[in-house]
């Protein structure tokens, strides 16, 4: 409350955002409290592409799917995307396919 001729102003403690669960979405001013927002949670089909800070939410990005002519070179983690490589082709008349490719391994010629 603002001061009057017969009373002093009344101050209130600032809201404290819960660490690792919230971030400050609106900073405080001399007359308003800060506003805390809950951190987003990435879906199982996403990875955290930017970590949260005390004043920003985390960013989530969809995990890449390998194309039909690719295999998964590095699996996705909670904080990294899947990496895909092109499946090797055997040289005709020179090589033969010893081991066929899979979703996670390259062809062996």
C-alpha atoms as a PDB file:
ATOM      1  CA  UNK A   1       0.000   0.000   0.000  1.00  0.00           C
ATOM      2  CA  UNK A   2       1.249   3.517  -0.727  1.00  0.00           C
ATOM      3  CA  UNK A   3       1.998   5.842   2.170  1.00  0.00           C
ATOM      4  CA  UNK A   4      -0.523   8.428   3.377  1.00  0.00           C
ATOM      5  CA  UNK A   5      -0.185  11.405   5.738  1.00  0.00           C
ATOM      6  CA  UNK A   6      -0.979   9.117   8.666  1.00  0.00           C
ATOM      7  CA  UNK A   7       0.577   5.790   7.619  1.00  0.00           C
ATOM      8  CA  UNK A   8       3.814   4.466   6.180  1.00  0.00           C
ATOM      9  CA  UNK A   9       4.071   2.295   3.078  1.00  0.00           C
ATOM     10  CA  UNK A  10       3.842  -1.472   3.572  1.00  0.00           C
ATOM     11  CA  UNK A  11       6.460  -3.542   1.812  1.00  0.00           C
ATOM     12  CA  UNK A  12       6.132  -7.195   0.899  1.00  0.00           C
ATOM     13  CA  UNK A  13       8.902  -9.689   0.194  1.00  0.00           C
ATOM     14  CA  UNK A  14       9.472 -10.566  -3.450  1.00  0.00           C
ATOM     15  CA  UNK A  15       8.271 -13.932  -4.690  1.00  0.00           C
ATOM     16  CA  UNK A  16      11.120 -16.445  -4.937  1.00  0.00           C
ATOM     17  CA  UNK A  17      10.965 -18.694  -7.982  1.00  0.00           C
ATOM     18  CA  UNK A  18      11.544 -22.409  -7.306  1.00  0.00           C
ATOM     19  CA  UNK A  19      15.029 -23.304  -8.554  1.00  0.00           C
ATOM     20  CA  UNK A  20      15.075 -26.033 -11.269  1.00  0.00           C
ATOM     21  CA  UNK A  21      11.281 -25.765 -11.650  1.00  0.00           C
ATOM     22  CA  UNK A  22      10.557 -22.122 -12.508  1.00  0.00           C
ATOM     23  CA  UNK A  23      12.065 -19.060 -14.156  1.00  0.00           C
ATOM     24  CA  UNK A  24      11.372 -15.330 -13.795  1.00  0.00           C
ATOM     25  CA  UNK A  25       9.074 -14.427 -16.689  1.00  0.00           C
ATOM     26  CA  UNK A  26       8.467 -10.822 -15.548  1.00  0.00           C
ATOM     27  CA  UNK A  27      10.950  -8.917 -13.385  1.00  0.00           C
ATOM     28  CA  UNK A  28       9.858  -6.968 -10.347  1.00  0.00           C
ATOM     29  CA  UNK A  29       9.622  -3.205 -10.171  1.00  0.00           C
ATOM     30  CA  UNK A  30       9.397  -0.797  -7.265  1.00  0.00           C
ATOM     31  CA  UNK A  31       5.620  -1.348  -7.176  1.00  0.00           C
ATOM     32  CA  UNK A  32       5.104  -4.886  -8.533  1.00  0.00           C
ATOM     33  CA  UNK A  33       6.236  -8.393  -7.658  1.00  0.00           C
ATOM     34  CA  UNK A  34       8.141 -10.647 -10.062  1.00  0.00           C
ATOM     35  CA  UNK A  35       6.199 -13.360 -11.898  1.00  0.00           C
ATOM     36  CA  UNK A  36       7.449 -16.934 -11.972  1.00  0.00           C
ATOM     37  CA  UNK A  37       6.529 -19.440 -14.683  1.00  0.00           C
ATOM     38  CA  UNK A  38       6.962 -23.216 -14.583  1.00  0.00           C
ATOM     39  CA  UNK A  39       9.706 -24.609 -16.808  1.00  0.00           C
ATOM     40  CA  UNK A  40       8.562 -26.432 -19.942  1.00  0.00           C
ATOM     41  CA  UNK A  41       9.084 -30.166 -20.206  1.00  0.00           C
ATOM     42  CA  UNK A  42      10.331 -31.572 -23.490  1.00  0.00           C
ATOM     43  CA  UNK A  43       8.248 -34.358 -25.029  1.00  0.00           C
ATOM     44  CA  UNK A  44       9.735 -37.836 -25.578  1.00  0.00           C
ATOM     45  CA  UNK A  45      10.063 -36.901 -29.287  1.00  0.00           C
ATOM     46  CA  UNK A  46      12.150 -33.814 -28.441  1.00  0.00           C
ATOM     47  CA  UNK A  47      15.490 -32.900 -26.924  1.00  0.00           C
ATOM     48  CA  UNK A  48      16.488 -29.831 -24.895  1.00  0.00           C
ATOM     49  CA  UNK A  49      18.207 -27.566 -27.413  1.00  0.00           C
ATOM     50  CA  UNK A  50      18.750 -24.679 -24.942  1.00  0.00           C
ATOM     51  CA  UNK A  51      18.922 -25.031 -21.166  1.00  0.00           C
ATOM     52  CA  UNK A  52      16.785 -22.864 -18.888  1.00  0.00           C
ATOM     53  CA  UNK A  53      18.217 -19.896 -17.027  1.00  0.00           C
ATOM     54  CA  UNK A  54      16.868 -17.927 -14.087  1.00  0.00           C
ATOM     55  CA  UNK A  55      15.101 -15.621 -16.589  1.00  0.00           C
ATOM     56  CA  UNK A  56      14.319 -17.896 -19.554  1.00  0.00           C
ATOM     57  CA  UNK A  57      12.570 -21.180 -20.261  1.00  0.00           C
ATOM     58  CA  UNK A  58      14.307 -24.168 -21.848  1.00  0.00           C
ATOM     59  CA  UNK A  59      13.928 -24.685 -25.598  1.00  0.00           C
ATOM     60  CA  UNK A  60      12.794 -28.032 -26.964  1.00  0.00           C
ATOM     61  CA  UNK A  61      13.359 -29.178 -30.558  1.00  0.00           C
ATOM     62  CA  UNK A  62      11.954 -32.195 -32.394  1.00  0.00           C
ATOM     63  CA  UNK A  63      14.398 -35.088 -32.784  1.00  0.00           C
ATOM     64  CA  UNK A  64      15.555 -35.636 -36.361  1.00  0.00           C
ATOM     65  CA  UNK A  65      14.391 -38.789 -38.157  1.00  0.00           C
ATOM     66  CA  UNK A  66      16.923 -40.485 -40.412  1.00  0.00           C
ATOM     67  CA  UNK A  67      15.988 -40.687 -44.092  1.00  0.00           C
ATOM     68  CA  UNK A  68      15.541 -44.002 -45.871  1.00  0.00           C
ATOM     69  CA  UNK A  69      19.121 -43.853 -47.218  1.00  0.00           C
ATOM     70  CA  UNK A  70      20.618 -43.069 -43.777  1.00  0.00           C
ATOM     71  CA  UNK A  71      21.383 -44.867 -40.524  1.00  0.00           C
ATOM     72  CA  UNK A  72      21.586 -43.533 -36.979  1.00  0.00           C
ATOM     73  CA  UNK A  73      25.230 -42.701 -36.249  1.00  0.00           C
ATOM     74  CA  UNK A  74      24.615 -41.181 -32.789  1.00  0.00           C
ATOM     75  CA  UNK A  75      21.442 -41.752 -30.785  1.00  0.00           C
ATOM     76  CA  UNK A  76      19.586 -38.741 -29.377  1.00  0.00           C
ATOM     77  CA  UNK A  77      19.913 -37.861 -25.695  1.00  0.00           C
ATOM     78  CA  UNK A  78      17.950 -35.533 -23.453  1.00  0.00           C
ATOM     79  CA  UNK A  79      20.188 -32.650 -24.627  1.00  0.00           C
ATOM     80  CA  UNK A  80      21.363 -33.664 -28.127  1.00  0.00           C
ATOM     81  CA  UNK A  81      19.784 -34.477 -31.471  1.00  0.00           C
ATOM     82  CA  UNK A  82      20.085 -37.744 -33.383  1.00  0.00           C
ATOM     83  CA  UNK A  83      22.922 -37.788 -35.940  1.00  0.00           C
ATOM     84  CA  UNK A  84      22.413 -39.617 -39.234  1.00  0.00           C
ATOM     85  CA  UNK A  85      24.966 -40.722 -41.844  1.00  0.00           C
ATOM     86  CA  UNK A  86      24.383 -41.802 -45.428  1.00  0.00           C
ATOM     87  CA  UNK A  87      24.465 -45.568 -45.938  1.00  0.00           C
ATOM     88  CA  UNK A  88      27.566 -46.659 -47.863  1.00  0.00           C
ATOM     89  CA  UNK A  89      27.133 -48.045 -51.373  1.00  0.00           C
ATOM     90  CA  UNK A  90      29.233 -50.962 -52.572  1.00  0.00           C
ATOM     91  CA  UNK A  91      31.224 -50.353 -55.754  1.00  0.00           C
ATOM     92  CA  UNK A  92      29.634 -52.473 -58.497  1.00  0.00           C
ATOM     93  CA  UNK A  93      31.920 -55.090 -60.087  1.00  0.00           C
ATOM     94  CA  UNK A  94      34.500 -54.459 -57.311  1.00  0.00           C
ATOM     95  CA  UNK A  95      32.750 -55.055 -53.970  1.00  0.00           C
ATOM     96  CA  UNK A  96      29.846 -57.080 -52.615  1.00  0.00           C
ATOM     97  CA  UNK A  97      27.612 -56.503 -49.593  1.00  0.00           C
ATOM     98  CA  UNK A  98      29.049 -58.512 -46.706  1.00  0.00           C
ATOM     99  CA  UNK A  99      26.645 -57.092 -44.081  1.00  0.00           C
ATOM    100  CA  UNK A 100      23.441 -55.221 -44.912  1.00  0.00           C
ATOM    101  CA  UNK A 101      22.726 -51.879 -43.239  1.00  0.00           C
ATOM    102  CA  UNK A 102      20.294 -51.527 -40.349  1.00  0.00           C
ATOM    103  CA  UNK A 103      18.687 -48.504 -38.728  1.00  0.00           C
ATOM    104  CA  UNK A 104      21.816 -48.086 -36.567  1.00  0.00           C
ATOM    105  CA  UNK A 105      24.666 -49.594 -38.624  1.00  0.00           C
ATOM    106  CA  UNK A 106      26.229 -48.911 -42.010  1.00  0.00           C
ATOM    107  CA  UNK A 107      26.495 -51.418 -44.831  1.00  0.00           C
ATOM    108  CA  UNK A 108      29.771 -53.401 -44.891  1.00  0.00           C
ATOM    109  CA  UNK A 109      31.189 -54.007 -48.356  1.00  0.00           C
END
